[in-house]
Amino acid sequence: MQTLALAELIDYRDHQIASKSFGRKLNIALPFVAYALDAGESISNEQSRLTRLIQVVDGTLTVVQDGATAVPTGAMIVIPAGTPHALEARTRCKFIQMETAPRG
Protein backbone atom coordinates (compact mmCIF):
# COMPACT_ATOMS: atom_id res chain seq x y z
CA MET A 1 0.00 0.00 0.00
CA GLN A 2 1.04 3.59 -0.61
CA THR A 3 -0.13 6.87 0.83
CA LEU A 4 0.17 9.98 -1.34
CA ALA A 5 0.01 13.57 -0.08
CA LEU A 6 -1.70 14.89 -3.19
CA ALA A 7 -0.88 18.59 -2.72
CA GLU A 8 2.79 17.68 -2.24
CA LEU A 9 3.21 15.56 -5.39
CA ILE A 10 4.45 18.50 -7.45
CA ASP A 11 5.85 22.01 -6.90
CA TYR A 12 4.91 25.27 -8.57
CA ARG A 13 7.30 26.84 -11.09
CA ASP A 14 7.10 30.55 -11.83
CA HIS A 15 5.40 31.29 -15.16
CA GLN A 16 5.18 27.58 -16.07
CA ILE A 17 3.04 24.49 -16.09
CA ALA A 18 4.62 21.58 -14.23
CA SER A 19 3.42 18.00 -14.62
CA LYS A 20 4.50 14.63 -13.33
CA SER A 21 3.13 11.21 -14.31
CA PHE A 22 2.71 8.53 -11.65
CA GLY A 23 1.41 5.59 -13.69
CA ARG A 24 4.66 3.66 -13.67
CA LYS A 25 5.44 4.45 -10.02
CA LEU A 26 1.97 3.27 -8.97
CA ASN A 27 2.10 0.29 -11.36
CA ILE A 28 -1.20 1.24 -13.03
CA ALA A 29 -2.08 1.24 -16.74
CA LEU A 30 -4.36 4.28 -16.82
CA PRO A 31 -2.95 7.83 -16.72
CA PHE A 32 -2.52 9.50 -13.31
CA VAL A 33 -0.79 12.90 -13.57
CA ALA A 34 -0.18 15.72 -11.09
CA TYR A 35 -0.15 19.30 -12.42
CA ALA A 36 0.89 22.65 -10.93
CA LEU A 37 -0.13 25.71 -12.95
CA ASP A 38 1.18 29.14 -12.10
CA ALA A 39 -1.32 32.00 -12.19
CA GLY A 40 -2.20 32.94 -15.75
CA GLU A 41 -1.15 29.60 -17.27
CA SER A 42 -3.54 27.44 -19.28
CA ILE A 43 -3.83 24.18 -21.18
CA SER A 44 -5.53 24.92 -24.48
CA ASN A 45 -8.51 23.13 -25.93
CA GLU A 46 -8.07 19.35 -25.82
CA GLN A 47 -10.09 16.17 -25.53
CA SER A 48 -9.43 12.55 -24.64
CA ARG A 49 -10.81 9.18 -25.66
CA LEU A 50 -10.97 8.48 -21.91
CA THR A 51 -13.13 10.05 -19.19
CA ARG A 52 -11.09 12.54 -17.14
CA LEU A 53 -11.44 12.88 -13.39
CA ILE A 54 -9.80 16.08 -12.17
CA GLN A 55 -9.33 16.61 -8.41
CA VAL A 56 -8.19 20.09 -7.36
CA VAL A 57 -5.79 19.90 -4.41
CA ASP A 58 -4.74 23.57 -4.16
CA GLY A 59 -6.25 26.79 -5.48
CA THR A 60 -9.06 26.94 -8.03
CA LEU A 61 -8.99 25.50 -11.55
CA THR A 62 -11.21 26.97 -14.25
CA VAL A 63 -12.52 24.44 -16.76
CA VAL A 64 -13.79 25.99 -19.99
CA GLN A 65 -16.36 24.02 -21.99
CA ASP A 66 -19.48 25.88 -23.16
CA GLY A 67 -18.79 28.45 -20.44
CA ALA A 68 -16.42 28.45 -17.48
CA THR A 69 -16.68 26.30 -14.35
CA ALA A 70 -14.58 27.13 -11.28
CA VAL A 71 -13.42 23.99 -9.46
CA PRO A 72 -12.19 24.85 -5.93
CA THR A 73 -9.77 23.00 -3.65
CA GLY A 74 -11.22 19.66 -2.63
CA ALA A 75 -13.68 19.42 -5.52
CA MET A 76 -13.59 17.03 -8.45
CA ILE A 77 -14.93 17.50 -11.97
CA VAL A 78 -15.71 14.67 -14.38
CA ILE A 79 -15.13 15.40 -18.07
CA PRO A 80 -16.72 12.75 -20.31
CA ALA A 81 -14.64 11.11 -23.03
CA GLY A 82 -14.56 13.09 -26.27
CA THR A 83 -15.53 16.41 -24.62
CA PRO A 84 -13.43 19.36 -25.82
CA HIS A 85 -12.27 21.53 -22.89
CA ALA A 86 -9.53 23.92 -21.77
CA LEU A 87 -7.99 24.40 -18.32
CA GLU A 88 -7.04 27.78 -16.85
CA ALA A 89 -5.34 28.86 -13.63
CA ARG A 90 -6.48 32.38 -12.80
CA THR A 91 -4.53 31.93 -9.55
CA ARG A 92 -1.96 29.23 -8.76
CA CYS A 93 -3.54 25.81 -8.88
CA LYS A 94 -2.57 22.16 -8.35
CA PHE A 95 -4.64 19.21 -9.48
CA ILE A 96 -4.43 15.54 -10.23
CA GLN A 97 -5.89 14.12 -13.41
CA MET A 98 -6.91 10.49 -13.67
CA GLU A 99 -8.33 8.93 -16.80
CA THR A 100 -10.53 5.88 -17.16
CA ALA A 101 -12.43 4.14 -19.92
CA PRO A 102 -16.13 5.00 -20.00
CA ARG A 103 -18.54 2.17 -19.19
CA GLY A 104 -20.41 0.51 -21.95
PDB file of N, CA and C in Angstrom:
ATOM      1  N   MET A   1       0.841  -1.186   0.000  1.00  0.00           N
ATOM      2  CA  MET A   1       0.000   0.000   0.000  1.00  0.00           C
ATOM      3  C   MET A   1       0.877   1.237   0.000  1.00  0.00           C
ATOM      4  N   GLN A   2       0.345   2.315  -0.578  1.00  0.00           N
ATOM      5  CA  GLN A   2       1.039   3.594  -0.606  1.00  0.00           C
ATOM      6  C   GLN A   2       0.084   4.689  -0.173  1.00  0.00           C
ATOM      7  N   THR A   3       0.630   5.674   0.490  1.00  0.00           N
ATOM      8  CA  THR A   3      -0.126   6.872   0.832  1.00  0.00           C
ATOM      9  C   THR A   3       0.505   8.037   0.093  1.00  0.00           C
ATOM     10  N   LEU A   4      -0.323   8.836  -0.589  1.00  0.00           N
ATOM     11  CA  LEU A   4       0.172   9.984  -1.344  1.00  0.00           C
ATOM     12  C   LEU A   4      -0.406  11.263  -0.753  1.00  0.00           C
ATOM     13  N   ALA A   5       0.447  12.234  -0.476  1.00  0.00           N
ATOM     14  CA  ALA A   5       0.007  13.568  -0.075  1.00  0.00           C
ATOM     15  C   ALA A   5      -0.203  14.346  -1.373  1.00  0.00           C
ATOM     16  N   LEU A   6      -1.427  14.400  -1.841  1.00  0.00           N
ATOM     17  CA  LEU A   6      -1.700  14.894  -3.188  1.00  0.00           C
ATOM     18  C   LEU A   6      -1.167  16.294  -3.450  1.00  0.00           C
ATOM     19  N   ALA A   7      -1.339  17.207  -2.517  1.00  0.00           N
ATOM     20  CA  ALA A   7      -0.883  18.588  -2.724  1.00  0.00           C
ATOM     21  C   ALA A   7       0.638  18.689  -2.762  1.00  0.00           C
ATOM     22  N   GLU A   8       1.333  17.654  -2.286  1.00  0.00           N
ATOM     23  CA  GLU A   8       2.792  17.683  -2.240  1.00  0.00           C
ATOM     24  C   GLU A   8       3.446  16.888  -3.375  1.00  0.00           C
ATOM     25  N   LEU A   9       2.658  16.361  -4.298  1.00  0.00           N
ATOM     26  CA  LEU A   9       3.211  15.557  -5.389  1.00  0.00           C
ATOM     27  C   LEU A   9       4.048  16.366  -6.362  1.00  0.00           C
ATOM     28  N   ILE A  10       3.781  17.672  -6.453  1.00  0.00           N
ATOM     29  CA  ILE A  10       4.449  18.503  -7.445  1.00  0.00           C
ATOM     30  C   ILE A  10       4.567  19.921  -6.916  1.00  0.00           C
ATOM     31  N   ASP A  11       5.616  20.631  -7.338  1.00  0.00           N
ATOM     32  CA  ASP A  11       5.849  22.008  -6.898  1.00  0.00           C
ATOM     33  C   ASP A  11       5.506  22.987  -8.015  1.00  0.00           C
ATOM     34  N   TYR A  12       5.143  24.197  -7.608  1.00  0.00           N
ATOM     35  CA  TYR A  12       4.913  25.270  -8.572  1.00  0.00           C
ATOM     36  C   TYR A  12       6.236  25.716  -9.178  1.00  0.00           C
ATOM     37  N   ARG A  13       6.166  26.208 -10.422  1.00  0.00           N
ATOM     38  CA  ARG A  13       7.299  26.843 -11.092  1.00  0.00           C
ATOM     39  C   ARG A  13       6.791  28.165 -11.637  1.00  0.00           C
ATOM     40  N   ASP A  14       7.522  29.232 -11.381  1.00  0.00           N
ATOM     41  CA  ASP A  14       7.103  30.555 -11.831  1.00  0.00           C
ATOM     42  C   ASP A  14       6.898  30.579 -13.340  1.00  0.00           C
ATOM     43  N   HIS A  15       5.736  31.078 -13.753  1.00  0.00           N
ATOM     44  CA  HIS A  15       5.396  31.291 -15.163  1.00  0.00           C
ATOM     45  C   HIS A  15       5.422  30.006 -15.993  1.00  0.00           C
ATOM     46  N   GLN A  16       5.124  28.861 -15.356  1.00  0.00           N
ATOM     47  CA  GLN A  16       5.184  27.582 -16.066  1.00  0.00           C
ATOM     48  C   GLN A  16       4.057  26.657 -15.638  1.00  0.00           C
ATOM     49  N   ILE A  17       3.905  25.615 -16.440  1.00  0.00           N
ATOM     50  CA  ILE A  17       3.044  24.487 -16.091  1.00  0.00           C
ATOM     51  C   ILE A  17       3.965  23.322 -15.774  1.00  0.00           C
ATOM     52  N   ALA A  18       3.830  22.753 -14.598  1.00  0.00           N
ATOM     53  CA  ALA A  18       4.624  21.578 -14.226  1.00  0.00           C
ATOM     54  C   ALA A  18       3.692  20.365 -14.217  1.00  0.00           C
ATOM     55  N   SER A  19       4.210  19.233 -14.668  1.00  0.00           N
ATOM     56  CA  SER A  19       3.420  18.002 -14.618  1.00  0.00           C
ATOM     57  C   SER A  19       4.331  16.822 -14.321  1.00  0.00           C
ATOM     58  N   LYS A  20       3.735  15.823 -13.695  1.00  0.00           N
ATOM     59  CA  LYS A  20       4.498  14.630 -13.332  1.00  0.00           C
ATOM     60  C   LYS A  20       3.554  13.432 -13.388  1.00  0.00           C
ATOM     61  N   SER A  21       3.941  12.417 -14.159  1.00  0.00           N
ATOM     62  CA  SER A  21       3.134  11.210 -14.309  1.00  0.00           C
ATOM     63  C   SER A  21       3.496  10.189 -13.234  1.00  0.00           C
ATOM     64  N   PHE A  22       2.493   9.515 -12.712  1.00  0.00           N
ATOM     65  CA  PHE A  22       2.710   8.532 -11.649  1.00  0.00           C
ATOM     66  C   PHE A  22       2.259   7.130 -12.027  1.00  0.00           C
ATOM     67  N   GLY A  23       1.886   6.902 -13.276  1.00  0.00           N
ATOM     68  CA  GLY A  23       1.409   5.589 -13.694  1.00  0.00           C
ATOM     69  C   GLY A  23       2.403   4.474 -13.445  1.00  0.00           C
ATOM     70  N   ARG A  24       3.641   4.686 -13.848  1.00  0.00           N
ATOM     71  CA  ARG A  24       4.663   3.660 -13.674  1.00  0.00           C
ATOM     72  C   ARG A  24       4.976   3.443 -12.191  1.00  0.00           C
ATOM     73  N   LYS A  25       5.126   4.548 -11.447  1.00  0.00           N
ATOM     74  CA  LYS A  25       5.440   4.454 -10.015  1.00  0.00           C
ATOM     75  C   LYS A  25       4.355   3.707  -9.249  1.00  0.00           C
ATOM     76  N   LEU A  26       3.091   3.923  -9.648  1.00  0.00           N
ATOM     77  CA  LEU A  26       1.974   3.269  -8.969  1.00  0.00           C
ATOM     78  C   LEU A  26       1.627   1.918  -9.574  1.00  0.00           C
ATOM     79  N   ASN A  27       2.326   1.556 -10.675  1.00  0.00           N
ATOM     80  CA  ASN A  27       2.096   0.290 -11.363  1.00  0.00           C
ATOM     81  C   ASN A  27       0.642   0.163 -11.836  1.00  0.00           C
ATOM     82  N   ILE A  28       0.153   1.250 -12.480  1.00  0.00           N
ATOM     83  CA  ILE A  28      -1.197   1.243 -13.031  1.00  0.00           C
ATOM     84  C   ILE A  28      -1.122   1.563 -14.517  1.00  0.00           C
ATOM     85  N   ALA A  29      -2.082   1.051 -15.289  1.00  0.00           N
ATOM     86  CA  ALA A  29      -2.077   1.244 -16.735  1.00  0.00           C
ATOM     87  C   ALA A  29      -2.686   2.580 -17.162  1.00  0.00           C
ATOM     88  N   LEU A  30      -3.669   3.053 -16.429  1.00  0.00           N
ATOM     89  CA  LEU A  30      -4.356   4.276 -16.825  1.00  0.00           C
ATOM     90  C   LEU A  30      -3.596   5.507 -16.340  1.00  0.00           C
ATOM     91  N   PRO A  31      -3.691   6.620 -17.079  1.00  0.00           N
ATOM     92  CA  PRO A  31      -2.950   7.831 -16.721  1.00  0.00           C
ATOM     93  C   PRO A  31      -3.351   8.424 -15.369  1.00  0.00           C
ATOM     94  N   PHE A  32      -2.352   8.808 -14.586  1.00  0.00           N
ATOM     95  CA  PHE A  32      -2.516   9.500 -13.307  1.00  0.00           C
ATOM     96  C   PHE A  32      -1.406  10.555 -13.276  1.00  0.00           C
ATOM     97  N   VAL A  33      -1.771  11.826 -13.423  1.00  0.00           N
ATOM     98  CA  VAL A  33      -0.793  12.896 -13.573  1.00  0.00           C
ATOM     99  C   VAL A  33      -1.099  14.017 -12.597  1.00  0.00           C
ATOM    100  N   ALA A  34      -0.053  14.553 -11.953  1.00  0.00           N
ATOM    101  CA  ALA A  34      -0.183  15.724 -11.087  1.00  0.00           C
ATOM    102  C   ALA A  34       0.268  16.947 -11.876  1.00  0.00           C
ATOM    103  N   TYR A  35      -0.470  18.044 -11.735  1.00  0.00           N
ATOM    104  CA  TYR A  35      -0.151  19.298 -12.416  1.00  0.00           C
ATOM    105  C   TYR A  35      -0.059  20.425 -11.400  1.00  0.00           C
ATOM    106  N   ALA A  36       0.817  21.392 -11.676  1.00  0.00           N
ATOM    107  CA  ALA A  36       0.892  22.647 -10.934  1.00  0.00           C
ATOM    108  C   ALA A  36       0.949  23.765 -11.970  1.00  0.00           C
ATOM    109  N   LEU A  37      -0.070  24.607 -11.993  1.00  0.00           N
ATOM    110  CA  LEU A  37      -0.135  25.709 -12.951  1.00  0.00           C
ATOM    111  C   LEU A  37       0.073  27.017 -12.208  1.00  0.00           C
ATOM    112  N   ASP A  38       1.005  27.812 -12.671  1.00  0.00           N
ATOM    113  CA  ASP A  38       1.182  29.141 -12.098  1.00  0.00           C
ATOM    114  C   ASP A  38       0.026  30.017 -12.561  1.00  0.00           C
ATOM    115  N   ALA A  39      -0.238  31.085 -11.834  1.00  0.00           N
ATOM    116  CA  ALA A  39      -1.319  32.001 -12.188  1.00  0.00           C
ATOM    117  C   ALA A  39      -1.148  32.494 -13.615  1.00  0.00           C
ATOM    118  N   GLY A  40      -2.232  32.468 -14.377  1.00  0.00           N
ATOM    119  CA  GLY A  40      -2.203  32.936 -15.746  1.00  0.00           C
ATOM    120  C   GLY A  40      -1.865  31.868 -16.773  1.00  0.00           C
ATOM    121  N   GLU A  41      -1.480  30.681 -16.341  1.00  0.00           N
ATOM    122  CA  GLU A  41      -1.147  29.597 -17.269  1.00  0.00           C
ATOM    123  C   GLU A  41      -2.416  28.837 -17.662  1.00  0.00           C
ATOM    124  N   SER A  42      -2.378  28.201 -18.829  1.00  0.00           N
ATOM    125  CA  SER A  42      -3.540  27.438 -19.282  1.00  0.00           C
ATOM    126  C   SER A  42      -3.106  26.280 -20.168  1.00  0.00           C
ATOM    127  N   ILE A  43      -3.983  25.310 -20.266  1.00  0.00           N
ATOM    128  CA  ILE A  43      -3.826  24.183 -21.180  1.00  0.00           C
ATOM    129  C   ILE A  43      -4.941  24.349 -22.199  1.00  0.00           C
ATOM    130  N   SER A  44      -4.555  24.582 -23.454  1.00  0.00           N
ATOM    131  CA  SER A  44      -5.535  24.924 -24.481  1.00  0.00           C
ATOM    132  C   SER A  44      -6.477  23.764 -24.787  1.00  0.00           C
ATOM    133  N   ASN A  45      -7.444  24.056 -25.617  1.00  0.00           N
ATOM    134  CA  ASN A  45      -8.509  23.127 -25.931  1.00  0.00           C
ATOM    135  C   ASN A  45      -7.968  21.742 -26.277  1.00  0.00           C
ATOM    136  N   GLU A  46      -8.487  20.730 -25.594  1.00  0.00           N
ATOM    137  CA  GLU A  46      -8.074  19.349 -25.817  1.00  0.00           C
ATOM    138  C   GLU A  46      -9.256  18.440 -25.522  1.00  0.00           C
ATOM    139  N   GLN A  47      -9.103  17.178 -25.882  1.00  0.00           N
ATOM    140  CA  GLN A  47     -10.089  16.169 -25.527  1.00  0.00           C
ATOM    141  C   GLN A  47      -9.389  14.826 -25.452  1.00  0.00           C
ATOM    142  N   SER A  48     -10.034  13.864 -24.821  1.00  0.00           N
ATOM    143  CA  SER A  48      -9.434  12.549 -24.638  1.00  0.00           C
ATOM    144  C   SER A  48     -10.439  11.473 -25.009  1.00  0.00           C
ATOM    145  N   ARG A  49      -9.927  10.325 -25.398  1.00  0.00           N
ATOM    146  CA  ARG A  49     -10.811   9.180 -25.659  1.00  0.00           C
ATOM    147  C   ARG A  49     -11.271   8.544 -24.349  1.00  0.00           C
ATOM    148  N   LEU A  50     -10.641   8.979 -23.240  1.00  0.00           N
ATOM    149  CA  LEU A  50     -10.974   8.477 -21.907  1.00  0.00           C
ATOM    150  C   LEU A  50     -11.723   9.543 -21.117  1.00  0.00           C
ATOM    151  N   THR A  51     -12.472   9.120 -20.106  1.00  0.00           N
ATOM    152  CA  THR A  51     -13.128  10.048 -19.194  1.00  0.00           C
ATOM    153  C   THR A  51     -12.076  10.581 -18.236  1.00  0.00           C
ATOM    154  N   ARG A  52     -12.062  11.899 -18.031  1.00  0.00           N
ATOM    155  CA  ARG A  52     -11.092  12.536 -17.136  1.00  0.00           C
ATOM    156  C   ARG A  52     -11.743  12.876 -15.802  1.00  0.00           C
ATOM    157  N   LEU A  53     -11.050  12.520 -14.749  1.00  0.00           N
ATOM    158  CA  LEU A  53     -11.438  12.880 -13.387  1.00  0.00           C
ATOM    159  C   LEU A  53     -10.369  13.836 -12.896  1.00  0.00           C
ATOM    160  N   ILE A  54     -10.756  15.074 -12.601  1.00  0.00           N
ATOM    161  CA  ILE A  54      -9.796  16.082 -12.166  1.00  0.00           C
ATOM    162  C   ILE A  54     -10.133  16.499 -10.751  1.00  0.00           C
ATOM    163  N   GLN A  55      -9.196  16.273  -9.830  1.00  0.00           N
ATOM    164  CA  GLN A  55      -9.333  16.606  -8.415  1.00  0.00           C
ATOM    165  C   GLN A  55      -8.415  17.781  -8.108  1.00  0.00           C
ATOM    166  N   VAL A  56      -8.984  18.914  -7.698  1.00  0.00           N
ATOM    167  CA  VAL A  56      -8.188  20.086  -7.361  1.00  0.00           C
ATOM    168  C   VAL A  56      -7.689  19.929  -5.926  1.00  0.00           C
ATOM    169  N   VAL A  57      -6.373  20.082  -5.742  1.00  0.00           N
ATOM    170  CA  VAL A  57      -5.786  19.899  -4.408  1.00  0.00           C
ATOM    171  C   VAL A  57      -5.231  21.202  -3.831  1.00  0.00           C
ATOM    172  N   ASP A  58      -5.169  22.266  -4.650  1.00  0.00           N
ATOM    173  CA  ASP A  58      -4.739  23.572  -4.157  1.00  0.00           C
ATOM    174  C   ASP A  58      -5.227  24.636  -5.138  1.00  0.00           C
ATOM    175  N   GLY A  59      -5.785  25.704  -4.630  1.00  0.00           N
ATOM    176  CA  GLY A  59      -6.252  26.789  -5.484  1.00  0.00           C
ATOM    177  C   GLY A  59      -7.576  26.468  -6.145  1.00  0.00           C
ATOM    178  N   THR A  60      -7.824  27.134  -7.262  1.00  0.00           N
ATOM    179  CA  THR A  60      -9.057  26.939  -8.034  1.00  0.00           C
ATOM    180  C   THR A  60      -8.690  26.795  -9.499  1.00  0.00           C
ATOM    181  N   LEU A  61      -9.198  25.753 -10.131  1.00  0.00           N
ATOM    182  CA  LEU A  61      -8.991  25.502 -11.552  1.00  0.00           C
ATOM    183  C   LEU A  61     -10.247  25.927 -12.296  1.00  0.00           C
ATOM    184  N   THR A  62     -10.075  26.614 -13.406  1.00  0.00           N
ATOM    185  CA  THR A  62     -11.210  26.974 -14.249  1.00  0.00           C
ATOM    186  C   THR A  62     -11.214  26.045 -15.453  1.00  0.00           C
ATOM    187  N   VAL A  63     -12.343  25.342 -15.632  1.00  0.00           N
ATOM    188  CA  VAL A  63     -12.517  24.441 -16.761  1.00  0.00           C
ATOM    189  C   VAL A  63     -13.462  25.131 -17.742  1.00  0.00           C
ATOM    190  N   VAL A  64     -13.007  25.287 -18.980  1.00  0.00           N
ATOM    191  CA  VAL A  64     -13.792  25.992 -19.993  1.00  0.00           C
ATOM    192  C   VAL A  64     -14.330  24.975 -20.988  1.00  0.00           C
ATOM    193  N   GLN A  65     -15.667  24.901 -21.057  1.00  0.00           N
ATOM    194  CA  GLN A  65     -16.365  24.023 -21.994  1.00  0.00           C
ATOM    195  C   GLN A  65     -17.801  24.532 -22.031  1.00  0.00           C
ATOM    196  N   ASP A  66     -18.153  25.229 -23.087  1.00  0.00           N
ATOM    197  CA  ASP A  66     -19.482  25.876 -23.158  1.00  0.00           C
ATOM    198  C   ASP A  66     -19.716  26.761 -21.934  1.00  0.00           C
ATOM    199  N   GLY A  67     -18.759  27.615 -21.642  1.00  0.00           N
ATOM    200  CA  GLY A  67     -18.791  28.448 -20.439  1.00  0.00           C
ATOM    201  C   GLY A  67     -17.651  28.041 -19.534  1.00  0.00           C
ATOM    202  N   ALA A  68     -17.523  28.726 -18.411  1.00  0.00           N
ATOM    203  CA  ALA A  68     -16.424  28.454 -17.478  1.00  0.00           C
ATOM    204  C   ALA A  68     -16.983  27.911 -16.167  1.00  0.00           C
ATOM    205  N   THR A  69     -16.317  26.887 -15.632  1.00  0.00           N
ATOM    206  CA  THR A  69     -16.680  26.297 -14.346  1.00  0.00           C
ATOM    207  C   THR A  69     -15.479  26.396 -13.422  1.00  0.00           C
ATOM    208  N   ALA A  70     -15.652  27.039 -12.274  1.00  0.00           N
ATOM    209  CA  ALA A  70     -14.578  27.129 -11.282  1.00  0.00           C
ATOM    210  C   ALA A  70     -14.644  25.892 -10.395  1.00  0.00           C
ATOM    211  N   VAL A  71     -13.506  25.196 -10.278  1.00  0.00           N
ATOM    212  CA  VAL A  71     -13.424  23.985  -9.456  1.00  0.00           C
ATOM    213  C   VAL A  71     -12.483  24.298  -8.291  1.00  0.00           C
ATOM    214  N   PRO A  72     -13.017  24.452  -7.064  1.00  0.00           N
ATOM    215  CA  PRO A  72     -12.193  24.849  -5.925  1.00  0.00           C
ATOM    216  C   PRO A  72     -11.439  23.678  -5.298  1.00  0.00           C
ATOM    217  N   THR A  73     -10.518  24.011  -4.404  1.00  0.00           N
ATOM    218  CA  THR A  73      -9.767  23.000  -3.652  1.00  0.00           C
ATOM    219  C   THR A  73     -10.729  21.994  -3.028  1.00  0.00           C
ATOM    220  N   GLY A  74     -10.416  20.732  -3.208  1.00  0.00           N
ATOM    221  CA  GLY A  74     -11.215  19.660  -2.629  1.00  0.00           C
ATOM    222  C   GLY A  74     -12.314  19.145  -3.532  1.00  0.00           C
ATOM    223  N   ALA A  75     -12.620  19.854  -4.609  1.00  0.00           N
ATOM    224  CA  ALA A  75     -13.685  19.422  -5.515  1.00  0.00           C
ATOM    225  C   ALA A  75     -13.109  18.633  -6.687  1.00  0.00           C
ATOM    226  N   MET A  76     -13.969  17.827  -7.292  1.00  0.00           N
ATOM    227  CA  MET A  76     -13.593  17.034  -8.445  1.00  0.00           C
ATOM    228  C   MET A  76     -14.579  17.334  -9.569  1.00  0.00           C
ATOM    229  N   ILE A  77     -14.079  17.356 -10.798  1.00  0.00           N
ATOM    230  CA  ILE A  77     -14.931  17.497 -11.967  1.00  0.00           C
ATOM    231  C   ILE A  77     -14.711  16.286 -12.861  1.00  0.00           C
ATOM    232  N   VAL A  78     -15.777  15.804 -13.468  1.00  0.00           N
ATOM    233  CA  VAL A  78     -15.712  14.669 -14.382  1.00  0.00           C
ATOM    234  C   VAL A  78     -15.959  15.211 -15.786  1.00  0.00           C
ATOM    235  N   ILE A  79     -15.023  14.948 -16.688  1.00  0.00           N
ATOM    236  CA  ILE A  79     -15.133  15.400 -18.070  1.00  0.00           C
ATOM    237  C   ILE A  79     -15.298  14.149 -18.937  1.00  0.00           C
ATOM    238  N   PRO A  80     -16.485  13.964 -19.519  1.00  0.00           N
ATOM    239  CA  PRO A  80     -16.723  12.753 -20.313  1.00  0.00           C
ATOM    240  C   PRO A  80     -15.767  12.625 -21.495  1.00  0.00           C
ATOM    241  N   ALA A  81     -15.500  11.398 -21.878  1.00  0.00           N
ATOM    242  CA  ALA A  81     -14.644  11.114 -23.026  1.00  0.00           C
ATOM    243  C   ALA A  81     -15.156  11.870 -24.248  1.00  0.00           C
ATOM    244  N   GLY A  82     -14.218  12.406 -25.042  1.00  0.00           N
ATOM    245  CA  GLY A  82     -14.558  13.090 -26.274  1.00  0.00           C
ATOM    246  C   GLY A  82     -15.061  14.515 -26.103  1.00  0.00           C
ATOM    247  N   THR A  83     -15.037  15.054 -24.883  1.00  0.00           N
ATOM    248  CA  THR A  83     -15.527  16.407 -24.624  1.00  0.00           C
ATOM    249  C   THR A  83     -14.390  17.417 -24.752  1.00  0.00           C
ATOM    250  N   PRO A  84     -14.467  18.334 -25.714  1.00  0.00           N
ATOM    251  CA  PRO A  84     -13.427  19.364 -25.815  1.00  0.00           C
ATOM    252  C   PRO A  84     -13.497  20.295 -24.588  1.00  0.00           C
ATOM    253  N   HIS A  85     -12.328  20.665 -24.069  1.00  0.00           N
ATOM    254  CA  HIS A  85     -12.272  21.535 -22.891  1.00  0.00           C
ATOM    255  C   HIS A  85     -10.890  22.180 -22.805  1.00  0.00           C
ATOM    256  N   ALA A  86     -10.805  23.258 -22.058  1.00  0.00           N
ATOM    257  CA  ALA A  86      -9.531  23.915 -21.771  1.00  0.00           C
ATOM    258  C   ALA A  86      -9.449  24.095 -20.260  1.00  0.00           C
ATOM    259  N   LEU A  87      -8.226  24.224 -19.750  1.00  0.00           N
ATOM    260  CA  LEU A  87      -7.993  24.400 -18.318  1.00  0.00           C
ATOM    261  C   LEU A  87      -7.236  25.699 -18.102  1.00  0.00           C
ATOM    262  N   GLU A  88      -7.671  26.503 -17.130  1.00  0.00           N
ATOM    263  CA  GLU A  88      -7.041  27.784 -16.847  1.00  0.00           C
ATOM    264  C   GLU A  88      -6.797  27.933 -15.349  1.00  0.00           C
ATOM    265  N   ALA A  89      -5.653  28.539 -15.018  1.00  0.00           N
ATOM    266  CA  ALA A  89      -5.341  28.865 -13.626  1.00  0.00           C
ATOM    267  C   ALA A  89      -5.341  30.387 -13.508  1.00  0.00           C
ATOM    268  N   ARG A  90      -6.417  30.927 -12.988  1.00  0.00           N
ATOM    269  CA  ARG A  90      -6.476  32.380 -12.800  1.00  0.00           C
ATOM    270  C   ARG A  90      -5.651  32.782 -11.584  1.00  0.00           C
ATOM    271  N   THR A  91      -5.496  31.838 -10.652  1.00  0.00           N
ATOM    272  CA  THR A  91      -4.535  31.932  -9.545  1.00  0.00           C
ATOM    273  C   THR A  91      -3.779  30.608  -9.556  1.00  0.00           C
ATOM    274  N   ARG A  92      -2.696  30.499  -8.803  1.00  0.00           N
ATOM    275  CA  ARG A  92      -1.960  29.229  -8.764  1.00  0.00           C
ATOM    276  C   ARG A  92      -2.900  28.081  -8.420  1.00  0.00           C
ATOM    277  N   CYS A  93      -2.641  26.942  -9.030  1.00  0.00           N
ATOM    278  CA  CYS A  93      -3.541  25.807  -8.876  1.00  0.00           C
ATOM    279  C   CYS A  93      -2.778  24.495  -9.052  1.00  0.00           C
ATOM    280  N   LYS A  94      -3.092  23.519  -8.199  1.00  0.00           N
ATOM    281  CA  LYS A  94      -2.569  22.161  -8.345  1.00  0.00           C
ATOM    282  C   LYS A  94      -3.747  21.216  -8.474  1.00  0.00           C
ATOM    283  N   PHE A  95      -3.593  20.222  -9.342  1.00  0.00           N
ATOM    284  CA  PHE A  95      -4.644  19.215  -9.476  1.00  0.00           C
ATOM    285  C   PHE A  95      -4.054  17.899  -9.938  1.00  0.00           C
ATOM    286  N   ILE A  96      -4.796  16.838  -9.681  1.00  0.00           N
ATOM    287  CA  ILE A  96      -4.435  15.538 -10.229  1.00  0.00           C
ATOM    288  C   ILE A  96      -5.474  15.187 -11.286  1.00  0.00           C
ATOM    289  N   GLN A  97      -5.007  14.541 -12.327  1.00  0.00           N
ATOM    290  CA  GLN A  97      -5.890  14.116 -13.407  1.00  0.00           C
ATOM    291  C   GLN A  97      -5.744  12.618 -13.581  1.00  0.00           C
ATOM    292  N   MET A  98      -6.861  11.935 -13.441  1.00  0.00           N
ATOM    293  CA  MET A  98      -6.913  10.495 -13.668  1.00  0.00           C
ATOM    294  C   MET A  98      -7.796  10.268 -14.887  1.00  0.00           C
ATOM    295  N   GLU A  99      -7.523   9.242 -15.642  1.00  0.00           N
ATOM    296  CA  GLU A  99      -8.333   8.930 -16.800  1.00  0.00           C
ATOM    297  C   GLU A  99      -8.771   7.472 -16.729  1.00  0.00           C
ATOM    298  N   THR A 100      -9.989   7.229 -17.177  1.00  0.00           N
ATOM    299  CA  THR A 100     -10.528   5.881 -17.159  1.00  0.00           C
ATOM    300  C   THR A 100     -11.442   5.673 -18.362  1.00  0.00           C
ATOM    301  N   ALA A 101     -11.556   4.440 -18.792  1.00  0.00           N
ATOM    302  CA  ALA A 101     -12.430   4.137 -19.915  1.00  0.00           C
ATOM    303  C   ALA A 101     -13.887   4.291 -19.487  1.00  0.00           C
ATOM    304  N   PRO A 102     -14.716   4.904 -20.337  1.00  0.00           N
ATOM    305  CA  PRO A 102     -16.131   5.004 -20.000  1.00  0.00           C
ATOM    306  C   PRO A 102     -16.777   3.629 -20.009  1.00  0.00           C
ATOM    307  N   ARG A 103     -17.823   3.456 -19.226  1.00  0.00           N
ATOM    308  CA  ARG A 103     -18.539   2.175 -19.186  1.00  0.00           C
ATOM    309  C   ARG A 103     -19.369   2.026 -20.441  1.00  0.00           C
ATOM    310  N   GLY A 104     -19.510   0.808 -20.843  1.00  0.00           N
ATOM    311  CA  GLY A 104     -20.413   0.509 -21.953  1.00  0.00           C
ATOM    312  C   GLY A 104     -19.740   0.479 -23.203  1.00  0.00           C
TER     313      GLY A 104
END
